[in-house]
Amino acid sequence: MNVLVALTALLLLGGIVYLGVEIAGLEFLFGVIIPYAAVLTFLIGLVIRVISWARTPVPFRITTTCGQQRSLSWISPNRIDNPSTTLGVLGRMALEIFLFRSLFRNTRNELREGENRLVIGPSKWLWLMGLAFHWSFLIILLRHLRLFVEPVPQITLLIQSLDGFFQVGVPVVYSTSLLFVTAATLLFVRRIVLPQVRYLSLPTDYFPLFLLISIAGSGIILRHFIKIDIVRVKEVVLGLMTFRPEAGGLPVLFYFHLFLVSVLLAYFPFSKLVHMAGVVLSPTRNLANNNRRIRHVNPWDYPVKTHTYQEYEEEFRGKMIGAGIPVEEEDNG
């Protein structure tokens, strides 16, 4: 049911584009107004989310650790999994952002039938899919810079040439396009096949996958099957970038592709996809675990009148001695 809800939402979006562009002729709406509104929603929503996270009080160190903490000089600490310095935090964050190190440590728990025992083993395929998905997505975005700027940066041309290194087909089939679609499809299949993951999956988990697969699929069709006028596409995109928008002269599939990208941008700040920005603001990741060296005082503590043991004993010393309770100071009176 959750899959059908997400798929129905995507089909409705496709129907809106077809009716709006092919039937009603609203190229300017789908080619100019909606993209501008999506970018504005993306920027405002992302800023609001980041400010909200930044303003959330974090009075104590709640770092997630997986190794030996720094303590005595003769005990070797784990400077990456349990960092006690800012440099160690930066190292762990870099490994987390670029290589998904915590996902690399993922393990699989399996209760094998007939053996009546729990088997725990490594599970690296999810890490490989996640790494392939995110890195190919980044490279695809960098490749698309050739449509947004003129002249095209040399770094973009280099990435494009490396991505099409195998020179398969005309136009060249980019390896990251195939890798991205494959990884996204496998992530979707994982949610369907594994009963534990399927039980936890909601329409908000399936919809972004369908959205990303549809964006990539429509882009591949535009490049290899419809043979779209890339010069006209760049004119339209540069018009959007320079605030001199124009629309028209492109097939309905291009507006479908652009509309889905706009939906992705507008949906991004309000979905789980925003973890891209949240990972660097997570207190479980960006704090040094130095609780043994530095005393951390909660600045939001409500002022409470304290009553020390010395004050307690001073008040009840006579009664404590009478009850046979040992005291630190005898009552000289």
Protein backbone atom coordinates (compact mmCIF):
# COMPACT_ATOMS: atom_id res chain seq x y z
CA MET A 1 0.00 0.00 0.00
CA ASN A 2 2.81 2.44 0.83
CA VAL A 3 4.44 1.71 -2.52
CA LEU A 4 1.15 2.32 -4.34
CA VAL A 5 0.62 5.63 -2.55
CA ALA A 6 4.08 6.87 -3.56
CA LEU A 7 3.71 5.58 -7.12
CA THR A 8 0.27 7.16 -7.47
CA ALA A 9 1.66 10.51 -6.33
CA LEU A 10 4.38 10.30 -8.99
CA LEU A 11 1.88 9.36 -11.72
CA LEU A 12 -0.31 12.31 -10.73
CA LEU A 13 2.67 14.62 -11.09
CA GLY A 14 3.32 13.22 -14.56
CA GLY A 15 -0.32 13.70 -15.50
CA ILE A 16 -0.21 17.32 -14.31
CA VAL A 17 2.75 18.03 -16.57
CA TYR A 18 1.14 16.38 -19.59
CA LEU A 19 -2.14 18.21 -19.15
CA GLY A 20 -0.43 21.51 -18.40
CA VAL A 21 2.10 21.48 -21.25
CA GLU A 22 0.67 19.25 -23.97
CA ILE A 23 -3.02 20.17 -23.57
CA ALA A 24 -3.12 23.65 -22.00
CA GLY A 25 0.18 24.96 -23.41
CA LEU A 26 1.48 26.25 -20.06
CA GLU A 27 5.17 26.06 -20.95
CA PHE A 28 5.93 29.31 -19.11
CA LEU A 29 4.32 28.02 -15.91
CA PHE A 30 6.24 24.74 -15.91
CA GLY A 31 9.43 26.14 -17.44
CA VAL A 32 9.79 29.37 -15.47
CA ILE A 33 7.38 30.03 -12.59
CA ILE A 34 7.48 26.58 -10.96
CA PRO A 35 11.31 26.26 -11.11
CA TYR A 36 11.74 29.71 -9.52
CA ALA A 37 9.20 28.87 -6.81
CA ALA A 38 10.93 25.53 -6.15
CA VAL A 39 14.37 27.10 -5.76
CA LEU A 40 12.95 29.76 -3.42
CA THR A 41 11.19 27.10 -1.34
CA PHE A 42 14.38 25.04 -1.22
CA LEU A 43 16.54 27.94 -0.01
CA ILE A 44 14.07 29.28 2.56
CA GLY A 45 13.17 25.82 3.86
CA LEU A 46 16.79 24.74 4.17
CA VAL A 47 17.80 27.93 6.01
CA ILE A 48 14.89 27.52 8.43
CA ARG A 49 15.82 23.90 9.14
CA VAL A 50 19.50 24.71 9.68
CA ILE A 51 18.71 27.67 11.97
CA SER A 52 16.29 25.47 13.93
CA TRP A 53 18.98 22.81 14.41
CA ALA A 54 21.61 25.41 15.32
CA ARG A 55 19.35 26.94 17.98
CA THR A 56 18.56 23.61 19.64
CA PRO A 57 20.29 23.47 23.05
CA VAL A 58 22.98 20.81 23.41
CA PRO A 59 24.11 21.23 27.03
CA PHE A 60 26.08 17.99 27.29
CA ARG A 61 28.42 15.96 25.13
CA ILE A 62 26.33 13.19 23.58
CA THR A 63 28.90 11.93 21.11
CA THR A 64 28.31 8.50 19.58
CA THR A 65 31.45 6.47 20.26
CA CYS A 66 32.71 3.10 19.04
CA GLY A 67 36.18 2.90 20.54
CA GLN A 68 38.39 3.46 23.56
CA GLN A 69 38.04 6.88 25.15
CA ARG A 70 41.10 8.96 26.03
CA SER A 71 41.97 8.34 29.67
CA LEU A 72 45.29 7.20 31.13
CA SER A 73 48.53 7.81 29.26
CA TRP A 74 49.31 4.10 28.92
CA ILE A 75 45.90 3.27 27.38
CA SER A 76 45.79 3.87 23.62
CA PRO A 77 42.63 5.82 22.65
CA ASN A 78 40.72 5.55 19.37
CA ARG A 79 41.20 9.05 17.97
CA ILE A 80 38.68 8.61 15.13
CA ASP A 81 35.84 6.57 16.64
CA ASN A 82 36.13 8.32 20.01
CA PRO A 83 37.72 11.72 19.29
CA SER A 84 38.76 13.92 22.18
CA THR A 85 40.08 16.82 20.07
CA THR A 86 38.73 19.04 17.30
CA LEU A 87 41.17 17.48 14.83
CA GLY A 88 39.81 14.02 15.63
CA VAL A 89 36.24 15.28 15.14
CA LEU A 90 37.16 16.73 11.74
CA GLY A 91 38.73 13.41 10.74
CA ARG A 92 35.67 11.43 11.76
CA MET A 93 33.31 13.90 10.04
CA ALA A 94 35.35 13.73 6.82
CA LEU A 95 35.22 9.93 6.80
CA GLU A 96 31.50 10.03 7.55
CA ILE A 97 30.62 12.57 4.86
CA PHE A 98 32.78 11.25 2.04
CA LEU A 99 33.00 7.51 2.79
CA PHE A 100 29.97 6.77 5.05
CA ARG A 101 32.21 5.13 7.64
CA SER A 102 29.42 4.36 10.12
CA LEU A 103 27.48 2.56 7.39
CA PHE A 104 30.64 0.63 6.50
CA ARG A 105 30.57 -0.79 10.02
CA ASN A 106 27.02 -2.05 9.48
CA THR A 107 26.36 -5.64 10.55
CA ARG A 108 23.56 -8.08 9.72
CA ASN A 109 21.70 -10.04 12.38
CA GLU A 110 20.07 -13.22 11.13
CA LEU A 111 18.20 -15.94 12.99
CA ARG A 112 18.92 -19.06 10.95
CA GLU A 113 16.15 -21.59 10.72
CA GLY A 114 16.96 -25.06 11.98
CA GLU A 115 20.06 -23.87 13.86
CA ASN A 116 18.20 -21.92 16.54
CA ARG A 117 20.97 -19.36 16.87
CA LEU A 118 21.56 -15.73 16.01
CA VAL A 119 24.29 -15.13 13.43
CA ILE A 120 25.95 -11.71 13.23
CA GLY A 121 28.03 -10.92 10.17
CA PRO A 122 29.23 -8.04 8.02
CA SER A 123 26.89 -6.37 5.54
CA LYS A 124 28.82 -4.24 3.07
CA TRP A 125 26.44 -4.27 0.11
CA LEU A 126 24.23 -1.54 1.60
CA TRP A 127 27.34 0.59 2.12
CA LEU A 128 28.39 0.02 -1.50
CA MET A 129 24.93 0.95 -2.82
CA GLY A 130 24.80 4.08 -0.67
CA LEU A 131 28.28 5.13 -1.73
CA ALA A 132 27.54 4.53 -5.42
CA PHE A 133 24.20 6.34 -5.17
CA HIS A 134 25.49 9.50 -3.51
CA TRP A 135 28.77 9.83 -5.41
CA SER A 136 27.17 9.23 -8.81
CA PHE A 137 24.46 11.76 -7.91
CA LEU A 138 27.15 14.34 -7.08
CA ILE A 139 29.02 13.71 -10.33
CA ILE A 140 25.78 14.01 -12.33
CA LEU A 141 25.10 17.38 -10.70
CA LEU A 142 28.62 18.57 -11.52
CA ARG A 143 28.19 17.43 -15.12
CA HIS A 144 25.00 19.47 -15.41
CA LEU A 145 26.97 22.65 -14.66
CA ARG A 146 27.67 22.83 -18.40
CA LEU A 147 24.04 23.88 -18.85
CA PHE A 148 24.15 26.62 -16.21
CA VAL A 149 27.31 28.58 -17.04
CA GLU A 150 29.08 29.85 -20.10
CA PRO A 151 31.94 29.23 -20.70
CA VAL A 152 31.89 25.73 -19.25
CA PRO A 153 34.43 25.29 -16.40
CA GLN A 154 37.39 23.06 -17.15
CA ILE A 155 36.66 20.91 -14.11
CA THR A 156 33.22 20.14 -15.54
CA LEU A 157 34.72 19.15 -18.89
CA LEU A 158 37.26 16.93 -17.10
CA ILE A 159 34.55 15.20 -15.06
CA GLN A 160 32.47 14.73 -18.19
CA SER A 161 35.35 13.15 -20.09
CA LEU A 162 36.25 10.82 -17.23
CA ASP A 163 32.62 9.84 -16.75
CA GLY A 164 32.34 8.89 -20.42
CA PHE A 165 35.76 7.23 -20.51
CA PHE A 166 34.50 3.96 -22.00
CA GLN A 167 33.06 5.80 -25.05
CA VAL A 168 30.02 3.53 -25.30
CA GLY A 169 27.42 4.65 -27.88
CA VAL A 170 26.71 7.98 -29.52
CA PRO A 171 26.08 10.15 -27.63
CA VAL A 172 28.37 8.68 -25.01
CA VAL A 173 26.71 6.73 -22.20
CA TYR A 174 27.92 8.09 -18.88
CA SER A 175 28.83 5.44 -16.33
CA THR A 176 27.40 7.43 -13.41
CA SER A 177 23.98 7.56 -15.09
CA LEU A 178 23.79 3.77 -15.17
CA LEU A 179 25.33 3.47 -11.71
CA PHE A 180 22.86 5.93 -10.21
CA VAL A 181 19.79 4.21 -11.64
CA THR A 182 21.12 0.78 -10.61
CA ALA A 183 21.90 1.87 -7.04
CA ALA A 184 18.55 3.65 -6.60
CA THR A 185 16.69 0.62 -7.96
CA LEU A 186 18.55 -1.74 -5.62
CA LEU A 187 17.75 0.53 -2.66
CA PHE A 188 14.09 0.32 -3.65
CA VAL A 189 14.25 -3.47 -4.07
CA ARG A 190 15.87 -3.73 -0.63
CA ARG A 191 12.86 -2.00 0.92
CA ILE A 192 10.54 -4.44 -0.83
CA VAL A 193 12.44 -7.68 -0.31
CA LEU A 194 13.60 -7.37 3.31
CA PRO A 195 10.55 -7.77 5.59
CA GLN A 196 12.13 -5.79 8.45
CA VAL A 197 12.83 -2.80 6.20
CA ARG A 198 9.48 -3.11 4.42
CA TYR A 199 7.68 -2.98 7.76
CA LEU A 200 9.41 0.30 8.65
CA SER A 201 9.06 1.93 5.21
CA LEU A 202 6.51 4.68 4.66
CA PRO A 203 5.33 6.46 1.50
CA THR A 204 7.84 9.19 2.37
CA ASP A 205 10.59 6.58 1.98
CA TYR A 206 9.43 5.33 -1.42
CA PHE A 207 8.47 8.67 -2.97
CA PRO A 208 12.00 10.18 -3.06
CA LEU A 209 13.33 6.97 -4.65
CA PHE A 210 10.62 7.01 -7.32
CA LEU A 211 11.27 10.71 -7.86
CA LEU A 212 15.02 10.28 -8.30
CA ILE A 213 14.66 7.23 -10.55
CA SER A 214 12.15 9.10 -12.73
CA ILE A 215 14.42 12.14 -12.99
CA ALA A 216 17.37 9.99 -14.00
CA GLY A 217 15.28 7.89 -16.37
CA SER A 218 13.73 10.87 -18.14
CA GLY A 219 17.18 12.45 -18.45
CA ILE A 220 18.59 9.29 -20.05
CA ILE A 221 15.66 9.16 -22.49
CA LEU A 222 16.13 12.81 -23.42
CA ARG A 223 19.82 12.24 -24.10
CA HIS A 224 19.78 8.91 -25.93
CA PHE A 225 16.34 8.38 -27.45
CA ILE A 226 14.53 11.64 -28.14
CA LYS A 227 17.66 13.57 -29.19
CA ILE A 228 16.63 16.84 -27.63
CA ASP A 229 18.05 20.14 -28.90
CA ILE A 230 20.74 20.69 -26.27
CA VAL A 231 21.44 24.22 -27.52
CA ARG A 232 17.82 25.20 -26.89
CA VAL A 233 17.97 23.55 -23.46
CA LYS A 234 21.01 25.63 -22.54
CA GLU A 235 19.29 28.81 -23.75
CA VAL A 236 16.31 28.08 -21.50
CA VAL A 237 18.49 27.22 -18.49
CA LEU A 238 20.78 30.24 -18.95
CA GLY A 239 17.67 32.39 -19.24
CA LEU A 240 16.56 31.13 -15.83
CA MET A 241 19.99 31.74 -14.35
CA THR A 242 20.25 35.31 -15.69
CA PHE A 243 16.61 36.19 -14.81
CA ARG A 244 15.70 36.56 -18.47
CA PRO A 245 13.44 33.53 -18.66
CA GLU A 246 11.94 32.12 -21.80
CA ALA A 247 10.11 28.88 -22.52
CA GLY A 248 8.95 26.87 -25.51
CA GLY A 249 10.49 24.86 -28.31
CA LEU A 250 11.12 21.75 -26.18
CA PRO A 251 9.29 18.41 -25.87
CA VAL A 252 6.91 17.67 -23.03
CA LEU A 253 9.39 15.16 -21.55
CA PHE A 254 11.83 18.00 -20.87
CA TYR A 255 9.15 19.82 -18.84
CA PHE A 256 8.41 16.55 -17.04
CA HIS A 257 12.12 16.25 -16.20
CA LEU A 258 12.32 19.88 -15.07
CA PHE A 259 9.09 19.65 -13.08
CA LEU A 260 10.30 16.59 -11.16
CA VAL A 261 13.57 18.37 -10.38
CA SER A 262 11.51 21.31 -9.09
CA VAL A 263 9.40 18.98 -6.95
CA LEU A 264 12.58 17.42 -5.56
CA LEU A 265 13.99 20.84 -4.64
CA ALA A 266 10.76 22.00 -2.98
CA TYR A 267 10.34 18.67 -1.18
CA PHE A 268 13.95 18.45 -0.01
CA PRO A 269 13.90 20.67 3.14
CA PHE A 270 10.81 18.91 4.51
CA SER A 271 11.90 15.33 3.92
CA LYS A 272 14.49 12.84 5.11
CA LEU A 273 16.72 13.94 2.24
CA VAL A 274 17.73 16.96 4.32
CA HIS A 275 20.16 14.71 6.21
CA MET A 276 22.70 16.11 3.73
CA ALA A 277 22.76 19.31 5.78
CA GLY A 278 21.93 17.70 9.11
CA VAL A 279 24.95 15.40 9.28
CA VAL A 280 27.35 18.28 10.00
CA LEU A 281 25.04 19.65 12.72
CA SER A 282 24.45 16.37 14.52
CA PRO A 283 25.75 16.62 18.13
CA THR A 284 26.35 12.87 18.11
CA ARG A 285 28.97 13.43 15.39
CA ASN A 286 30.37 16.96 15.63
CA LEU A 287 31.36 16.99 19.34
CA ALA A 288 34.60 15.87 20.91
CA ASN A 289 34.21 13.31 23.69
CA ASN A 290 36.25 15.06 26.38
CA ASN A 291 33.96 14.52 29.35
CA ARG A 292 36.78 13.14 31.48
CA ARG A 293 39.03 16.17 30.96
CA ILE A 294 36.51 19.03 30.97
CA ARG A 295 33.53 19.53 33.21
CA HIS A 296 30.52 20.56 31.13
CA VAL A 297 27.97 22.67 32.97
CA ASN A 298 24.46 22.99 31.59
CA PRO A 299 23.88 26.74 31.00
CA TRP A 300 20.11 26.14 30.89
CA ASP A 301 19.94 24.60 34.37
CA TYR A 302 17.17 26.07 36.53
CA PRO A 303 18.70 27.72 39.64
CA VAL A 304 18.11 25.31 42.51
CA LYS A 305 19.11 25.97 46.13
CA THR A 306 21.58 23.26 47.10
CA HIS A 307 22.05 21.64 50.50
CA THR A 308 25.53 20.15 50.92
CA TYR A 309 26.33 17.22 53.16
CA GLN A 310 28.30 19.47 55.50
CA GLU A 311 25.23 21.68 55.90
CA TYR A 312 23.04 18.61 56.37
CA GLU A 313 25.31 17.21 59.05
CA GLU A 314 25.52 20.58 60.78
CA GLU A 315 21.73 20.66 60.95
CA PHE A 316 21.13 17.09 62.11
CA ARG A 317 24.41 16.14 63.85
CA GLY A 318 22.86 15.69 67.28
CA LYS A 319 20.10 13.44 65.99
CA MET A 320 22.55 11.45 63.85
CA ILE A 321 24.80 10.80 66.87
CA GLY A 322 21.77 9.87 68.96
CA ALA A 323 20.70 7.36 66.29
CA GLY A 324 24.22 5.88 66.10
CA ILE A 325 24.91 7.22 62.61
CA PRO A 326 28.62 8.03 62.13
CA VAL A 327 29.43 11.67 61.49
CA GLU A 328 32.51 13.42 60.19
CA GLU A 329 32.66 15.89 63.09
CA GLU A 330 31.67 15.17 66.68
CA ASP A 331 29.28 17.51 68.41
CA ASN A 332 31.48 19.44 70.84
CA GLY A 333 28.46 20.89 72.54
